Amino acid sequence: MKKILLATSLAALSAAPAFAGTAFSTGPAASSVTSAACTLLASAVTVNLSNGNIGAYACNTTTASIGVSVASTTGKNNIYGMSSAGGGMNTTTKASAPVASDVSTASDTGAASS
């Protein structure tokens, strides 16, 4: 549920330059995404990741969308992602535990395909 809330929170803040996927630090940690780092955000967003979770976001000003993805490095090998343009949650299953580059790629895909 935390993963869905994270993705929904970031996606809901889109307001209107394309950035590559940027990984958050591994939980437990608080990471901030500022409007300077993502011009589609009206204000900064703070993300609190649970222990063993990783996340990433990507801003795409061409499509005016934000892609967000999260995964657990200690649970199932699923990566959950969504875009601010809607379309529901996407799930990708990896053969092994996801790493930061996996969630970055998923966030890029969400931002680009919306």
PDB file of N, CA and C in Angstrom:
ATOM      1  N   MET A   1       0.814  -1.187   0.000  1.00  0.00           N
ATOM      2  CA  MET A   1       0.000   0.000   0.000  1.00  0.00           C
ATOM      3  C   MET A   1       0.865   1.262   0.000  1.00  0.00           C
ATOM      4  N   LYS A   2       2.010   1.216   0.740  1.00  0.00           N
ATOM      5  CA  LYS A   2       2.900   2.375   0.759  1.00  0.00           C
ATOM      6  C   LYS A   2       3.409   2.683  -0.636  1.00  0.00           C
ATOM      7  N   LYS A   3       3.648   1.626  -1.432  1.00  0.00           N
ATOM      8  CA  LYS A   3       4.154   1.821  -2.784  1.00  0.00           C
ATOM      9  C   LYS A   3       3.130   2.550  -3.648  1.00  0.00           C
ATOM     10  N   ILE A   4       1.874   2.184  -3.502  1.00  0.00           N
ATOM     11  CA  ILE A   4       0.818   2.840  -4.272  1.00  0.00           C
ATOM     12  C   ILE A   4       0.672   4.285  -3.824  1.00  0.00           C
ATOM     13  N   LEU A   5       0.730   4.531  -2.519  1.00  0.00           N
ATOM     14  CA  LEU A   5       0.622   5.902  -2.012  1.00  0.00           C
ATOM     15  C   LEU A   5       1.779   6.763  -2.488  1.00  0.00           C
ATOM     16  N   LEU A   6       2.989   6.213  -2.514  1.00  0.00           N
ATOM     17  CA  LEU A   6       4.142   6.951  -3.006  1.00  0.00           C
ATOM     18  C   LEU A   6       3.946   7.359  -4.457  1.00  0.00           C
ATOM     19  N   ALA A   7       3.592   6.413  -5.276  1.00  0.00           N
ATOM     20  CA  ALA A   7       3.416   6.693  -6.699  1.00  0.00           C
ATOM     21  C   ALA A   7       2.280   7.681  -6.925  1.00  0.00           C
ATOM     22  N   THR A   8       1.190   7.516  -6.204  1.00  0.00           N
ATOM     23  CA  THR A   8       0.054   8.417  -6.355  1.00  0.00           C
ATOM     24  C   THR A   8       0.404   9.827  -5.905  1.00  0.00           C
ATOM     25  N   SER A   9       1.126   9.949  -4.799  1.00  0.00           N
ATOM     26  CA  SER A   9       1.494  11.263  -4.280  1.00  0.00           C
ATOM     27  C   SER A   9       2.343  12.046  -5.263  1.00  0.00           C
ATOM     28  N   LEU A  10       3.356  11.404  -5.813  1.00  0.00           N
ATOM     29  CA  LEU A  10       4.212  12.103  -6.771  1.00  0.00           C
ATOM     30  C   LEU A  10       3.485  12.408  -8.075  1.00  0.00           C
ATOM     31  N   ALA A  11       2.706  11.471  -8.546  1.00  0.00           N
ATOM     32  CA  ALA A  11       2.014  11.661  -9.814  1.00  0.00           C
ATOM     33  C   ALA A  11       0.971  12.761  -9.708  1.00  0.00           C
ATOM     34  N   ALA A  12       0.330  12.904  -8.582  1.00  0.00           N
ATOM     35  CA  ALA A  12      -0.726  13.903  -8.420  1.00  0.00           C
ATOM     36  C   ALA A  12      -0.193  15.325  -8.400  1.00  0.00           C
ATOM     37  N   LEU A  13       1.097  15.496  -8.194  1.00  0.00           N
ATOM     38  CA  LEU A  13       1.657  16.834  -8.081  1.00  0.00           C
ATOM     39  C   LEU A  13       2.148  17.430  -9.396  1.00  0.00           C
ATOM     40  N   SER A  14       1.862  16.796 -10.504  1.00  0.00           N
ATOM     41  CA  SER A  14       2.378  17.340 -11.759  1.00  0.00           C
ATOM     42  C   SER A  14       1.712  18.662 -12.086  1.00  0.00           C
ATOM     43  N   ALA A  15       2.458  19.650 -12.544  1.00  0.00           N
ATOM     44  CA  ALA A  15       1.953  20.967 -12.910  1.00  0.00           C
ATOM     45  C   ALA A  15       2.239  21.236 -14.382  1.00  0.00           C
ATOM     46  N   ALA A  16       3.236  21.237 -15.227  1.00  0.00           N
ATOM     47  CA  ALA A  16       3.519  21.285 -16.674  1.00  0.00           C
ATOM     48  C   ALA A  16       5.033  21.281 -17.034  1.00  0.00           C
ATOM     49  N   PRO A  17      11.764  20.334 -19.796  1.00  0.00           N
ATOM     50  CA  PRO A  17      12.981  19.580 -19.971  1.00  0.00           C
ATOM     51  C   PRO A  17      12.950  18.106 -19.534  1.00  0.00           C
ATOM     52  N   ALA A  18      13.105  17.187 -20.201  1.00  0.00           N
ATOM     53  CA  ALA A  18      13.036  15.758 -19.885  1.00  0.00           C
ATOM     54  C   ALA A  18      14.258  15.337 -19.078  1.00  0.00           C
ATOM     55  N   PHE A  19      14.061  14.646 -17.967  1.00  0.00           N
ATOM     56  CA  PHE A  19      15.142  14.183 -17.114  1.00  0.00           C
ATOM     57  C   PHE A  19      15.162  12.668 -17.134  1.00  0.00           C
ATOM     58  N   ALA A  20      16.335  12.089 -17.025  1.00  0.00           N
ATOM     59  CA  ALA A  20      16.445  10.630 -16.922  1.00  0.00           C
ATOM     60  C   ALA A  20      15.973  10.198 -15.544  1.00  0.00           C
ATOM     61  N   GLY A  21      15.622   8.948 -15.413  1.00  0.00           N
ATOM     62  CA  GLY A  21      15.174   8.427 -14.130  1.00  0.00           C
ATOM     63  C   GLY A  21      16.208   8.665 -13.048  1.00  0.00           C
ATOM     64  N   THR A  22      15.755   9.137 -11.906  1.00  0.00           N
ATOM     65  CA  THR A  22      16.628   9.430 -10.785  1.00  0.00           C
ATOM     66  C   THR A  22      16.206   8.583  -9.604  1.00  0.00           C
ATOM     67  N   ALA A  23      17.103   7.770  -9.086  1.00  0.00           N
ATOM     68  CA  ALA A  23      16.777   6.888  -7.975  1.00  0.00           C
ATOM     69  C   ALA A  23      16.808   7.649  -6.655  1.00  0.00           C
ATOM     70  N   PHE A  24      15.890   7.294  -5.759  1.00  0.00           N
ATOM     71  CA  PHE A  24      15.916   7.785  -4.387  1.00  0.00           C
ATOM     72  C   PHE A  24      16.902   6.919  -3.615  1.00  0.00           C
ATOM     73  N   SER A  25      17.291   7.376  -2.445  1.00  0.00           N
ATOM     74  CA  SER A  25      18.141   6.534  -1.612  1.00  0.00           C
ATOM     75  C   SER A  25      17.332   5.352  -1.080  1.00  0.00           C
ATOM     76  N   THR A  26      18.018   4.301  -0.690  1.00  0.00           N
ATOM     77  CA  THR A  26      17.358   3.108  -0.181  1.00  0.00           C
ATOM     78  C   THR A  26      16.793   3.386   1.208  1.00  0.00           C
ATOM     79  N   GLY A  27      15.608   2.859   1.490  1.00  0.00           N
ATOM     80  CA  GLY A  27      14.986   3.060   2.788  1.00  0.00           C
ATOM     81  C   GLY A  27      15.713   2.287   3.881  1.00  0.00           C
ATOM     82  N   PRO A  28      15.558   2.665   5.161  1.00  0.00           N
ATOM     83  CA  PRO A  28      14.704   3.773   5.558  1.00  0.00           C
ATOM     84  C   PRO A  28      15.431   5.105   5.383  1.00  0.00           C
ATOM     85  N   ALA A  29      14.808   5.985   4.669  1.00  0.00           N
ATOM     86  CA  ALA A  29      15.387   7.300   4.430  1.00  0.00           C
ATOM     87  C   ALA A  29      14.312   8.235   3.908  1.00  0.00           C
ATOM     88  N   ALA A  30      14.532   9.502   4.081  1.00  0.00           N
ATOM     89  CA  ALA A  30      13.650  10.504   3.499  1.00  0.00           C
ATOM     90  C   ALA A  30      14.404  11.159   2.350  1.00  0.00           C
ATOM     91  N   SER A  31      13.821  11.173   1.181  1.00  0.00           N
ATOM     92  CA  SER A  31      14.418  11.815   0.011  1.00  0.00           C
ATOM     93  C   SER A  31      13.474  12.898  -0.465  1.00  0.00           C
ATOM     94  N   SER A  32      14.024  14.012  -0.883  1.00  0.00           N
ATOM     95  CA  SER A  32      13.194  15.098  -1.388  1.00  0.00           C
ATOM     96  C   SER A  32      13.412  15.290  -2.874  1.00  0.00           C
ATOM     97  N   VAL A  33      12.329  15.504  -3.573  1.00  0.00           N
ATOM     98  CA  VAL A  33      12.379  15.865  -4.986  1.00  0.00           C
ATOM     99  C   VAL A  33      11.902  17.306  -5.041  1.00  0.00           C
ATOM    100  N   THR A  34      12.746  18.198  -5.503  1.00  0.00           N
ATOM    101  CA  THR A  34      12.392  19.613  -5.526  1.00  0.00           C
ATOM    102  C   THR A  34      11.877  20.027  -6.890  1.00  0.00           C
ATOM    103  N   SER A  35      11.223  21.183  -6.924  1.00  0.00           N
ATOM    104  CA  SER A  35      10.734  21.699  -8.195  1.00  0.00           C
ATOM    105  C   SER A  35      11.901  22.095  -9.098  1.00  0.00           C
ATOM    106  N   ALA A  36      13.080  22.347  -8.522  1.00  0.00           N
ATOM    107  CA  ALA A  36      14.262  22.642  -9.338  1.00  0.00           C
ATOM    108  C   ALA A  36      14.746  21.377 -10.049  1.00  0.00           C
ATOM    109  N   ALA A  37      14.600  20.220  -9.394  1.00  0.00           N
ATOM    110  CA  ALA A  37      15.025  18.953  -9.989  1.00  0.00           C
ATOM    111  C   ALA A  37      13.996  18.431 -10.981  1.00  0.00           C
ATOM    112  N   CYS A  38      12.753  18.817 -10.800  1.00  0.00           N
ATOM    113  CA  CYS A  38      11.673  18.368 -11.682  1.00  0.00           C
ATOM    114  C   CYS A  38      10.727  19.544 -11.876  1.00  0.00           C
ATOM    115  N   THR A  39      10.854  20.225 -12.988  1.00  0.00           N
ATOM    116  CA  THR A  39      10.080  21.446 -13.210  1.00  0.00           C
ATOM    117  C   THR A  39       8.581  21.205 -13.330  1.00  0.00           C
ATOM    118  N   LEU A  40       8.173  19.944 -13.401  1.00  0.00           N
ATOM    119  CA  LEU A  40       6.747  19.626 -13.454  1.00  0.00           C
ATOM    120  C   LEU A  40       6.094  19.691 -12.072  1.00  0.00           C
ATOM    121  N   LEU A  41       6.901  19.750 -11.023  1.00  0.00           N
ATOM    122  CA  LEU A  41       6.363  19.822  -9.671  1.00  0.00           C
ATOM    123  C   LEU A  41       6.149  21.277  -9.264  1.00  0.00           C
ATOM    124  N   ALA A  42       5.031  21.551  -8.625  1.00  0.00           N
ATOM    125  CA  ALA A  42       4.753  22.891  -8.129  1.00  0.00           C
ATOM    126  C   ALA A  42       5.512  23.163  -6.834  1.00  0.00           C
ATOM    127  N   SER A  43       5.814  22.120  -6.071  1.00  0.00           N
ATOM    128  CA  SER A  43       6.570  22.263  -4.826  1.00  0.00           C
ATOM    129  C   SER A  43       7.315  20.961  -4.552  1.00  0.00           C
ATOM    130  N   ALA A  44       8.187  21.000  -3.557  1.00  0.00           N
ATOM    131  CA  ALA A  44       8.988  19.824  -3.228  1.00  0.00           C
ATOM    132  C   ALA A  44       8.114  18.698  -2.686  1.00  0.00           C
ATOM    133  N   VAL A  45       8.550  17.479  -2.938  1.00  0.00           N
ATOM    134  CA  VAL A  45       7.878  16.284  -2.438  1.00  0.00           C
ATOM    135  C   VAL A  45       8.901  15.504  -1.622  1.00  0.00           C
ATOM    136  N   THR A  46       8.522  15.107  -0.420  1.00  0.00           N
ATOM    137  CA  THR A  46       9.397  14.284   0.408  1.00  0.00           C
ATOM    138  C   THR A  46       8.876  12.862   0.395  1.00  0.00           C
ATOM    139  N   VAL A  47       9.771  11.931   0.139  1.00  0.00           N
ATOM    140  CA  VAL A  47       9.418  10.521   0.055  1.00  0.00           C
ATOM    141  C   VAL A  47      10.116   9.781   1.188  1.00  0.00           C
ATOM    142  N   ASN A  48       9.350   9.076   2.001  1.00  0.00           N
ATOM    143  CA  ASN A  48       9.901   8.251   3.070  1.00  0.00           C
ATOM    144  C   ASN A  48       9.789   6.793   2.651  1.00  0.00           C
ATOM    145  N   LEU A  49      10.916   6.180   2.392  1.00  0.00           N
ATOM    146  CA  LEU A  49      10.929   4.784   1.972  1.00  0.00           C
ATOM    147  C   LEU A  49      11.095   3.880   3.185  1.00  0.00           C
ATOM    148  N   SER A  50      10.378   2.787   3.194  1.00  0.00           N
ATOM    149  CA  SER A  50      10.533   1.791   4.244  1.00  0.00           C
ATOM    150  C   SER A  50      11.855   1.058   4.052  1.00  0.00           C
ATOM    151  N   ASN A  51      12.306   0.390   5.104  1.00  0.00           N
ATOM    152  CA  ASN A  51      13.550  -0.362   5.043  1.00  0.00           C
ATOM    153  C   ASN A  51      13.536  -1.367   3.893  1.00  0.00           C
ATOM    154  N   GLY A  52      14.582  -1.350   3.079  1.00  0.00           N
ATOM    155  CA  GLY A  52      14.696  -2.295   1.975  1.00  0.00           C
ATOM    156  C   GLY A  52      13.985  -1.892   0.702  1.00  0.00           C
ATOM    157  N   ASN A  53      13.346  -0.726   0.666  1.00  0.00           N
ATOM    158  CA  ASN A  53      12.646  -0.275  -0.534  1.00  0.00           C
ATOM    159  C   ASN A  53      13.489   0.733  -1.297  1.00  0.00           C
ATOM    160  N   ILE A  54      13.322   0.743  -2.607  1.00  0.00           N
ATOM    161  CA  ILE A  54      13.985   1.713  -3.465  1.00  0.00           C
ATOM    162  C   ILE A  54      12.927   2.360  -4.352  1.00  0.00           C
ATOM    163  N   GLY A  55      13.202   3.565  -4.816  1.00  0.00           N
ATOM    164  CA  GLY A  55      12.257   4.265  -5.672  1.00  0.00           C
ATOM    165  C   GLY A  55      12.985   5.140  -6.668  1.00  0.00           C
ATOM    166  N   ALA A  56      12.262   5.592  -7.681  1.00  0.00           N
ATOM    167  CA  ALA A  56      12.836   6.472  -8.694  1.00  0.00           C
ATOM    168  C   ALA A  56      11.726   7.301  -9.318  1.00  0.00           C
ATOM    169  N   TYR A  57      12.100   8.417  -9.908  1.00  0.00           N
ATOM    170  CA  TYR A  57      11.156   9.250 -10.642  1.00  0.00           C
ATOM    171  C   TYR A  57      11.825   9.745 -11.916  1.00  0.00           C
ATOM    172  N   ALA A  58      11.023  10.136 -12.880  1.00  0.00           N
ATOM    173  CA  ALA A  58      11.521  10.752 -14.106  1.00  0.00           C
ATOM    174  C   ALA A  58      10.529  11.812 -14.529  1.00  0.00           C
ATOM    175  N   CYS A  59      11.036  12.967 -14.924  1.00  0.00           N
ATOM    176  CA  CYS A  59      10.195  14.060 -15.411  1.00  0.00           C
ATOM    177  C   CYS A  59      10.369  14.171 -16.921  1.00  0.00           C
ATOM    178  N   ASN A  60       9.275  14.260 -17.630  1.00  0.00           N
ATOM    179  CA  ASN A  60       9.339  14.413 -19.076  1.00  0.00           C
ATOM    180  C   ASN A  60       8.477  15.620 -19.444  1.00  0.00           C
ATOM    181  N   THR A  61       9.131  16.741 -19.721  1.00  0.00           N
ATOM    182  CA  THR A  61       8.379  17.950 -20.044  1.00  0.00           C
ATOM    183  C   THR A  61       7.790  17.906 -21.448  1.00  0.00           C
ATOM    184  N   THR A  62       8.321  17.044 -22.307  1.00  0.00           N
ATOM    185  CA  THR A  62       7.765  16.906 -23.648  1.00  0.00           C
ATOM    186  C   THR A  62       6.348  16.354 -23.588  1.00  0.00           C
ATOM    187  N   THR A  63       6.150  15.344 -22.738  1.00  0.00           N
ATOM    188  CA  THR A  63       4.816  14.754 -22.581  1.00  0.00           C
ATOM    189  C   THR A  63       4.095  15.300 -21.345  1.00  0.00           C
ATOM    190  N   ALA A  64       4.759  16.196 -20.609  1.00  0.00           N
ATOM    191  CA  ALA A  64       4.212  16.772 -19.371  1.00  0.00           C
ATOM    192  C   ALA A  64       3.766  15.683 -18.407  1.00  0.00           C
ATOM    193  N   SER A  65       4.647  14.712 -18.182  1.00  0.00           N
ATOM    194  CA  SER A  65       4.301  13.623 -17.272  1.00  0.00           C
ATOM    195  C   SER A  65       5.477  13.251 -16.380  1.00  0.00           C
ATOM    196  N   ILE A  66       5.130  12.672 -15.246  1.00  0.00           N
ATOM    197  CA  ILE A  66       6.104  12.192 -14.287  1.00  0.00           C
ATOM    198  C   ILE A  66       5.922  10.688 -14.165  1.00  0.00           C
ATOM    199  N   GLY A  67       7.005   9.957 -14.278  1.00  0.00           N
ATOM    200  CA  GLY A  67       6.972   8.518 -14.055  1.00  0.00           C
ATOM    201  C   GLY A  67       7.558   8.218 -12.690  1.00  0.00           C
ATOM    202  N   VAL A  68       6.915   7.345 -11.940  1.00  0.00           N
ATOM    203  CA  VAL A  68       7.358   6.975 -10.610  1.00  0.00           C
ATOM    204  C   VAL A  68       7.384   5.458 -10.512  1.00  0.00           C
ATOM    205  N   SER A  69       8.417   4.912  -9.876  1.00  0.00           N
ATOM    206  CA  SER A  69       8.473   3.468  -9.676  1.00  0.00           C
ATOM    207  C   SER A  69       9.067   3.164  -8.314  1.00  0.00           C
ATOM    208  N   VAL A  70       8.638   2.056  -7.737  1.00  0.00           N
ATOM    209  CA  VAL A  70       9.136   1.606  -6.440  1.00  0.00           C
ATOM    210  C   VAL A  70       9.282   0.087  -6.456  1.00  0.00           C
ATOM    211  N   ALA A  71      10.160  -0.418  -5.594  1.00  0.00           N
ATOM    212  CA  ALA A  71      10.365  -1.861  -5.486  1.00  0.00           C
ATOM    213  C   ALA A  71      10.949  -2.176  -4.121  1.00  0.00           C
ATOM    214  N   SER A  72      10.800  -3.416  -3.724  1.00  0.00           N
ATOM    215  CA  SER A  72      11.405  -3.910  -2.498  1.00  0.00           C
ATOM    216  C   SER A  72      12.615  -4.748  -2.872  1.00  0.00           C
ATOM    217  N   THR A  73      13.726  -4.523  -2.183  1.00  0.00           N
ATOM    218  CA  THR A  73      14.925  -5.314  -2.447  1.00  0.00           C
ATOM    219  C   THR A  73      14.946  -6.576  -1.601  1.00  0.00           C
ATOM    220  N   THR A  74      13.961  -6.739  -0.721  1.00  0.00           N
ATOM    221  CA  THR A  74      13.950  -7.881   0.186  1.00  0.00           C
ATOM    222  C   THR A  74      12.691  -8.744   0.059  1.00  0.00           C
ATOM    223  N   GLY A  75      11.768  -8.357  -0.781  1.00  0.00           N
ATOM    224  CA  GLY A  75      10.517  -9.104  -0.906  1.00  0.00           C
ATOM    225  C   GLY A  75      10.377  -9.728  -2.276  1.00  0.00           C
ATOM    226  N   LYS A  76       9.191  -9.621  -2.832  1.00  0.00           N
ATOM    227  CA  LYS A  76       8.966 -10.122  -4.183  1.00  0.00           C
ATOM    228  C   LYS A  76       9.783  -9.302  -5.162  1.00  0.00           C
ATOM    229  N   ASN A  77      10.083  -9.862  -6.309  1.00  0.00           N
ATOM    230  CA  ASN A  77      10.930  -9.199  -7.301  1.00  0.00           C
ATOM    231  C   ASN A  77      10.118  -8.334  -8.256  1.00  0.00           C
ATOM    232  N   ASN A  78       9.120  -7.635  -7.725  1.00  0.00           N
ATOM    233  CA  ASN A  78       8.261  -6.799  -8.554  1.00  0.00           C
ATOM    234  C   ASN A  78       8.674  -5.339  -8.483  1.00  0.00           C
ATOM    235  N   ILE A  79       8.538  -4.657  -9.619  1.00  0.00           N
ATOM    236  CA  ILE A  79       8.726  -3.209  -9.681  1.00  0.00           C
ATOM    237  C   ILE A  79       7.367  -2.626 -10.044  1.00  0.00           C
ATOM    238  N   TYR A  80       6.888  -1.674  -9.251  1.00  0.00           N
ATOM    239  CA  TYR A  80       5.597  -1.043  -9.489  1.00  0.00           C
ATOM    240  C   TYR A  80       5.842   0.366 -10.022  1.00  0.00           C
ATOM    241  N   GLY A  81       5.170   0.712 -11.104  1.00  0.00           N
ATOM    242  CA  GLY A  81       5.358   2.028 -11.690  1.00  0.00           C
ATOM    243  C   GLY A  81       4.061   2.598 -12.201  1.00  0.00           C
ATOM    244  N   MET A  82       4.019   3.924 -12.253  1.00  0.00           N
ATOM    245  CA  MET A  82       2.862   4.601 -12.840  1.00  0.00           C
ATOM    246  C   MET A  82       3.289   5.962 -13.339  1.00  0.00           C
ATOM    247  N   SER A  83       2.425   6.577 -14.117  1.00  0.00           N
ATOM    248  CA  SER A  83       2.696   7.881 -14.694  1.00  0.00           C
ATOM    249  C   SER A  83       1.590   8.848 -14.299  1.00  0.00           C
ATOM    250  N   SER A  84       1.914  10.123 -14.262  1.00  0.00           N
ATOM    251  CA  SER A  84       0.920  11.139 -13.912  1.00  0.00           C
ATOM    252  C   SER A  84      -0.165  11.264 -14.970  1.00  0.00           C
ATOM    253  N   ALA A  85       0.065  10.709 -16.152  1.00  0.00           N
ATOM    254  CA  ALA A  85      -0.936  10.767 -17.214  1.00  0.00           C
ATOM    255  C   ALA A  85      -2.013   9.696 -17.046  1.00  0.00           C
ATOM    256  N   GLY A  86      -1.911   8.877 -16.008  1.00  0.00           N
ATOM    257  CA  GLY A  86      -2.926   7.855 -15.750  1.00  0.00           C
ATOM    258  C   GLY A  86      -2.618   6.552 -16.438  1.00  0.00           C
ATOM    259  N   GLY A  87      -3.610   5.700 -16.495  1.00  0.00           N
ATOM    260  CA  GLY A  87      -3.423   4.420 -17.153  1.00  0.00           C
ATOM    261  C   GLY A  87      -3.195   3.276 -16.204  1.00  0.00           C
ATOM    262  N   GLY A  88      -3.178   3.520 -14.918  1.00  0.00           N
ATOM    263  CA  GLY A  88      -3.057   2.446 -13.951  1.00  0.00           C
ATOM    264  C   GLY A  88      -1.628   2.104 -13.595  1.00  0.00           C
ATOM    265  N   MET A  89      -1.493   1.143 -12.725  1.00  0.00           N
ATOM    266  CA  MET A  89      -0.211   0.694 -12.208  1.00  0.00           C
ATOM    267  C   MET A  89       0.370  -0.383 -13.118  1.00  0.00           C
ATOM    268  N   ASN A  90       1.653  -0.268 -13.430  1.00  0.00           N
ATOM    269  CA  ASN A  90       2.361  -1.297 -14.203  1.00  0.00           C
ATOM    270  C   ASN A  90       3.222  -2.109 -13.255  1.00  0.00           C
ATOM    271  N   THR A  91       3.272  -3.404 -13.444  1.00  0.00           N
ATOM    272  CA  THR A  91       4.107  -4.276 -12.626  1.00  0.00           C
ATOM    273  C   THR A  91       5.070  -5.029 -13.525  1.00  0.00           C
ATOM    274  N   THR A  92       6.340  -4.991 -13.165  1.00  0.00           N
ATOM    275  CA  THR A  92       7.375  -5.729 -13.868  1.00  0.00           C
ATOM    276  C   THR A  92       8.001  -6.690 -12.876  1.00  0.00           C
ATOM    277  N   THR A  93       8.174  -7.936 -13.258  1.00  0.00           N
ATOM    278  CA  THR A  93       8.794  -8.922 -12.376  1.00  0.00           C
ATOM    279  C   THR A  93      10.197  -9.235 -12.886  1.00  0.00           C
ATOM    280  N   LYS A  94      11.171  -9.119 -11.992  1.00  0.00           N
ATOM    281  CA  LYS A  94      12.563  -9.409 -12.314  1.00  0.00           C
ATOM    282  C   LYS A  94      12.915 -10.817 -11.840  1.00  0.00           C
ATOM    283  N   ALA A  95      13.961 -11.402 -12.413  1.00  0.00           N
ATOM    284  CA  ALA A  95      14.415 -12.729 -11.997  1.00  0.00           C
ATOM    285  C   ALA A  95      15.090 -12.686 -10.628  1.00  0.00           C
ATOM    286  N   SER A  96      15.624 -11.517 -10.263  1.00  0.00           N
ATOM    287  CA  SER A  96      16.280 -11.357  -8.962  1.00  0.00           C
ATOM    288  C   SER A  96      15.805 -10.047  -8.342  1.00  0.00           C
ATOM    289  N   ALA A  97      16.267  -9.760  -7.158  1.00  0.00           N
ATOM    290  CA  ALA A  97      15.843  -8.541  -6.455  1.00  0.00           C
ATOM    291  C   ALA A  97      16.153  -7.302  -7.291  1.00  0.00           C
ATOM    292  N   PRO A  98      15.199  -6.375  -7.424  1.00  0.00           N
ATOM    293  CA  PRO A  98      15.424  -5.154  -8.208  1.00  0.00           C
ATOM    294  C   PRO A  98      16.536  -4.283  -7.604  1.00  0.00           C
ATOM    295  N   VAL A  99      17.217  -3.558  -8.467  1.00  0.00           N
ATOM    296  CA  VAL A  99      18.252  -2.604  -8.057  1.00  0.00           C
ATOM    297  C   VAL A  99      17.848  -1.214  -8.560  1.00  0.00           C
ATOM    298  N   ALA A 100      18.606  -0.200  -8.142  1.00  0.00           N
ATOM    299  CA  ALA A 100      18.267   1.188  -8.468  1.00  0.00           C
ATOM    300  C   ALA A 100      18.098   1.417  -9.965  1.00  0.00           C
ATOM    301  N   SER A 101      18.933   0.810 -10.787  1.00  0.00           N
ATOM    302  CA  SER A 101      18.819   1.028 -12.236  1.00  0.00           C
ATOM    303  C   SER A 101      17.513   0.453 -12.789  1.00  0.00           C
ATOM    304  N   ASP A 102      16.995  -0.614 -12.162  1.00  0.00           N
ATOM    305  CA  ASP A 102      15.719  -1.187 -12.598  1.00  0.00           C
ATOM    306  C   ASP A 102      14.566  -0.220 -12.365  1.00  0.00           C
ATOM    307  N   VAL A 103      14.545   0.393 -11.176  1.00  0.00           N
ATOM    308  CA  VAL A 103      13.445   1.319 -10.894  1.00  0.00           C
ATOM    309  C   VAL A 103      13.600   2.614 -11.690  1.00  0.00           C
ATOM    310  N   SER A 104      14.852   3.022 -11.965  1.00  0.00           N
ATOM    311  CA  SER A 104      15.070   4.207 -12.810  1.00  0.00           C
ATOM    312  C   SER A 104      14.549   3.973 -14.214  1.00  0.00           C
ATOM    313  N   THR A 105      14.830   2.799 -14.765  1.00  0.00           N
ATOM    314  CA  THR A 105      14.347   2.459 -16.102  1.00  0.00           C
ATOM    315  C   THR A 105      12.817   2.426 -16.125  1.00  0.00           C
ATOM    316  N   ALA A 106      12.203   1.875 -15.098  1.00  0.00           N
ATOM    317  CA  ALA A 106      10.744   1.815 -15.029  1.00  0.00           C
ATOM    318  C   ALA A 106      10.136   3.209 -14.952  1.00  0.00           C
ATOM    319  N   SER A 107      10.766   4.119 -14.220  1.00  0.00           N
ATOM    320  CA  SER A 107      10.238   5.481 -14.137  1.00  0.00           C
ATOM    321  C   SER A 107      10.396   6.214 -15.461  1.00  0.00           C
ATOM    322  N   ASP A 108      11.506   5.979 -16.167  1.00  0.00           N
ATOM    323  CA  ASP A 108      11.704   6.566 -17.504  1.00  0.00           C
ATOM    324  C   ASP A 108      10.607   6.105 -18.451  1.00  0.00           C
ATOM    325  N   THR A 109      10.317   4.810 -18.428  1.00  0.00           N
ATOM    326  CA  THR A 109       9.301   4.239 -19.295  1.00  0.00           C
ATOM    327  C   THR A 109       7.929   4.857 -19.022  1.00  0.00           C
ATOM    328  N   GLY A 110       7.589   5.007 -17.742  1.00  0.00           N
ATOM    329  CA  GLY A 110       6.316   5.614 -17.376  1.00  0.00           C
ATOM    330  C   GLY A 110       6.195   7.055 -17.818  1.00  0.00           C
ATOM    331  N   ALA A 111       7.264   7.821 -17.691  1.00  0.00           N
ATOM    332  CA  ALA A 111       7.233   9.226 -18.079  1.00  0.00           C
ATOM    333  C   ALA A 111       7.186   9.388 -19.587  1.00  0.00           C
ATOM    334  N   ALA A 112       7.842   8.503 -20.309  1.00  0.00           N
ATOM    335  CA  ALA A 112       7.919   8.633 -21.760  1.00  0.00           C
ATOM    336  C   ALA A 112       6.678   8.125 -22.470  1.00  0.00           C
ATOM    337  N   SER A 113       6.006   7.119 -21.894  1.00  0.00           N
ATOM    338  CA  SER A 113       4.935   6.464 -22.612  1.00  0.00           C
ATOM    339  C   SER A 113       3.550   7.034 -22.328  1.00  0.00           C
ATOM    340  N   SER A 114       3.469   8.052 -21.515  1.00  0.00           N
ATOM    341  CA  SER A 114       2.138   8.554 -21.171  1.00  0.00           C
ATOM    342  C   SER A 114       1.536   9.424 -22.236  1.00  0.00           C
TER     343      SER A 114
END
